[in-house]
Structures are given as structure tokens and as C-alpha cells.
Amino acid sequence: MISRALITMLAAVAATGALLWAGAAGPQKGDGVNGFRWPEGKKGAVSLSFDDARTSQVDNGLALLKTEAVKVTFFVQPEGVQKRLAGWKQAVADGHEIANHSLTHPCTGNYAFSKGNALENYTLPMMARQLDDANEQIHKLLGVKPKTFAYPCGQKFVGRGNEVMSYVPLVAERFLVGRGYLDEAANDPTVCDLAQAMGTAFDDMDFAQIKTIVDEALAQGRWVIFVGHEIGPRAYQTTDTKVLEELCDYLKNPSTQAWVGTVEEIGSYVKKQRAVH
């Protein structure tokens, strides 16, 4: 016959064990709304990226970014780097990430500018050379080896019809992150495919529009990767300098609780966090 005192003791031990298990398995301090643990005090992450190695990025952007103390990712083509080589060397010295945007920027031939360089006419070996030759030339010009890649036009295929193939596996073999373009959502760090991370355009927007995107991503514990082209007065495919200043100030404000980092920096963190959980 088990005594009442022993039953009471066993019940207490069981309850204590249940509480300890819940504490270990349940949400912990610092876990985000989606269960992903961002660095302490951060609700989500934001990367600013710019494509094509356009001259305005170094002529107008570097001084602004230095004043704001914000590091960004420049997805470059070697030809563009050569046009402002001193400026791109300064970008490296300032601590910005230099990343790969292919050798000749092939996109669908439906775009007039790419009709003679159409993805529909590419094969996987041809695309592999685009990636590898760009990496080699960027390294020769700037002394850095790109760790991330941005798909030109956000397109990830070669060929046409029943011979279409994805070149995402080529990117996954070579890079930590492959970033898209004109995507409609920020990246959920628990499930996103780093080889085809979502890229959100922010050219031509005012600060209120961009802030809405940031706030929504942070509320969901996500990582938004913004994509711009020119830096200067507001115009087509241009991130307005005043808006960029406002955005940097907002992101750096501790109350925003955003982690601002390069695509490589945040991509590396996401990969490591997944490995330990």
C-alpha cells in the first residue's frame, strides 16, 4: 500500500520535471516570433544591397554610407568595377561586401537589352562560366572572393520549353547566398532556401513605403534584403539619397530592434543558427 505522503512526493517530482522540460523545449528568452533566435535585442534583420556596380553607387553612395556607418552588399559585374576601380577599392576598404552579379548579366530575351544575351540560349555549363569567370575577375580587380550572388533580373533558369533547367544548384555549390529580385516577401530564417533568398526592390520608394516593409518583416521575425540600383535623386531604378539617409537612421535606432548587416554576414548567421537547432 503506497502512503499518501509518498503519492504527494511523487506528484511534486513529476510536476517539477514537467516544468523543467517545458523550460528547455519551449520558447526561450531571445527567441523570435517564429522561433528563430536573432542576436539579443533584435527582432529581425535587414540587408541593403545594390546591383550592377553602377557608378552612382561609389560616386554618391560611399560617402553617405560612411557617414551613416552602415555596411551594404554590392553585387557587381567586373566591367562596372573597371569603370570606377578606385571607388570600388574604397568600397572594400570601407568594409562593404563585394558580391557576384555574373559576368555579363544574362536575362530573358524578352527584355530588349538582353536579346543578344538571353538565358533562353544558355546551358548550365555556360552559366557556370558566368559565375566562375566573374568571381575570378572580381578577385583580380579587388582582392576579394565573393561569397554571395544575385540572380540578374531575379531569373534562375537557362534554356526554353522542355529543356529549361534551373541554375540554382550551380549557385548553391559556389555561394553562401543567392539573392533574387522583385520578390514579394521577406525571408523566414527557419525555412528560406539560402540559394534563392528573396530580394525586395526599394528603388523609387519613399521612406514611409520602405518603413512599412521593414516593420512588417521585424514583426514576423524575418530578414528583408532590399535591392537597389542607382543612388541619387529619386528617379527610375534609383534609391533616393535622402530616403536612404532616413532609412539608415531608422534602422540604427535601438528602438527599431533591427540587425543591419551585409548579405554574407546575416546569411552566415542564419546558416549557423540552423546548424545548432
Foldseek 3Di string as FASTA:
>chain_A
DDDPVVVVVVVVVVVVVVVVVCQVPDQDPQQEPVRFHDPPLFLAAEAEEEEALAVLCLVPNPVLCLVLVAAHEYAYALVSCVVPLVSVLVSVVSPHHYAHAWHPQEDALVPVVRVVPHLQADDLVRRLCRRVVRQVSCCVSHVDGHQEYEYRQQDAWHHDDPPIDGNLVSQVVRHLAYEGEPDDAFADLVDDDRSYGYEYEDALHALVVVVVRLLVQSNRSGYYYYYAYHDDPRDPRYDDSVRVSVVSVLQPPSVSSYHYDYSVVVSVVSVVSNVVD
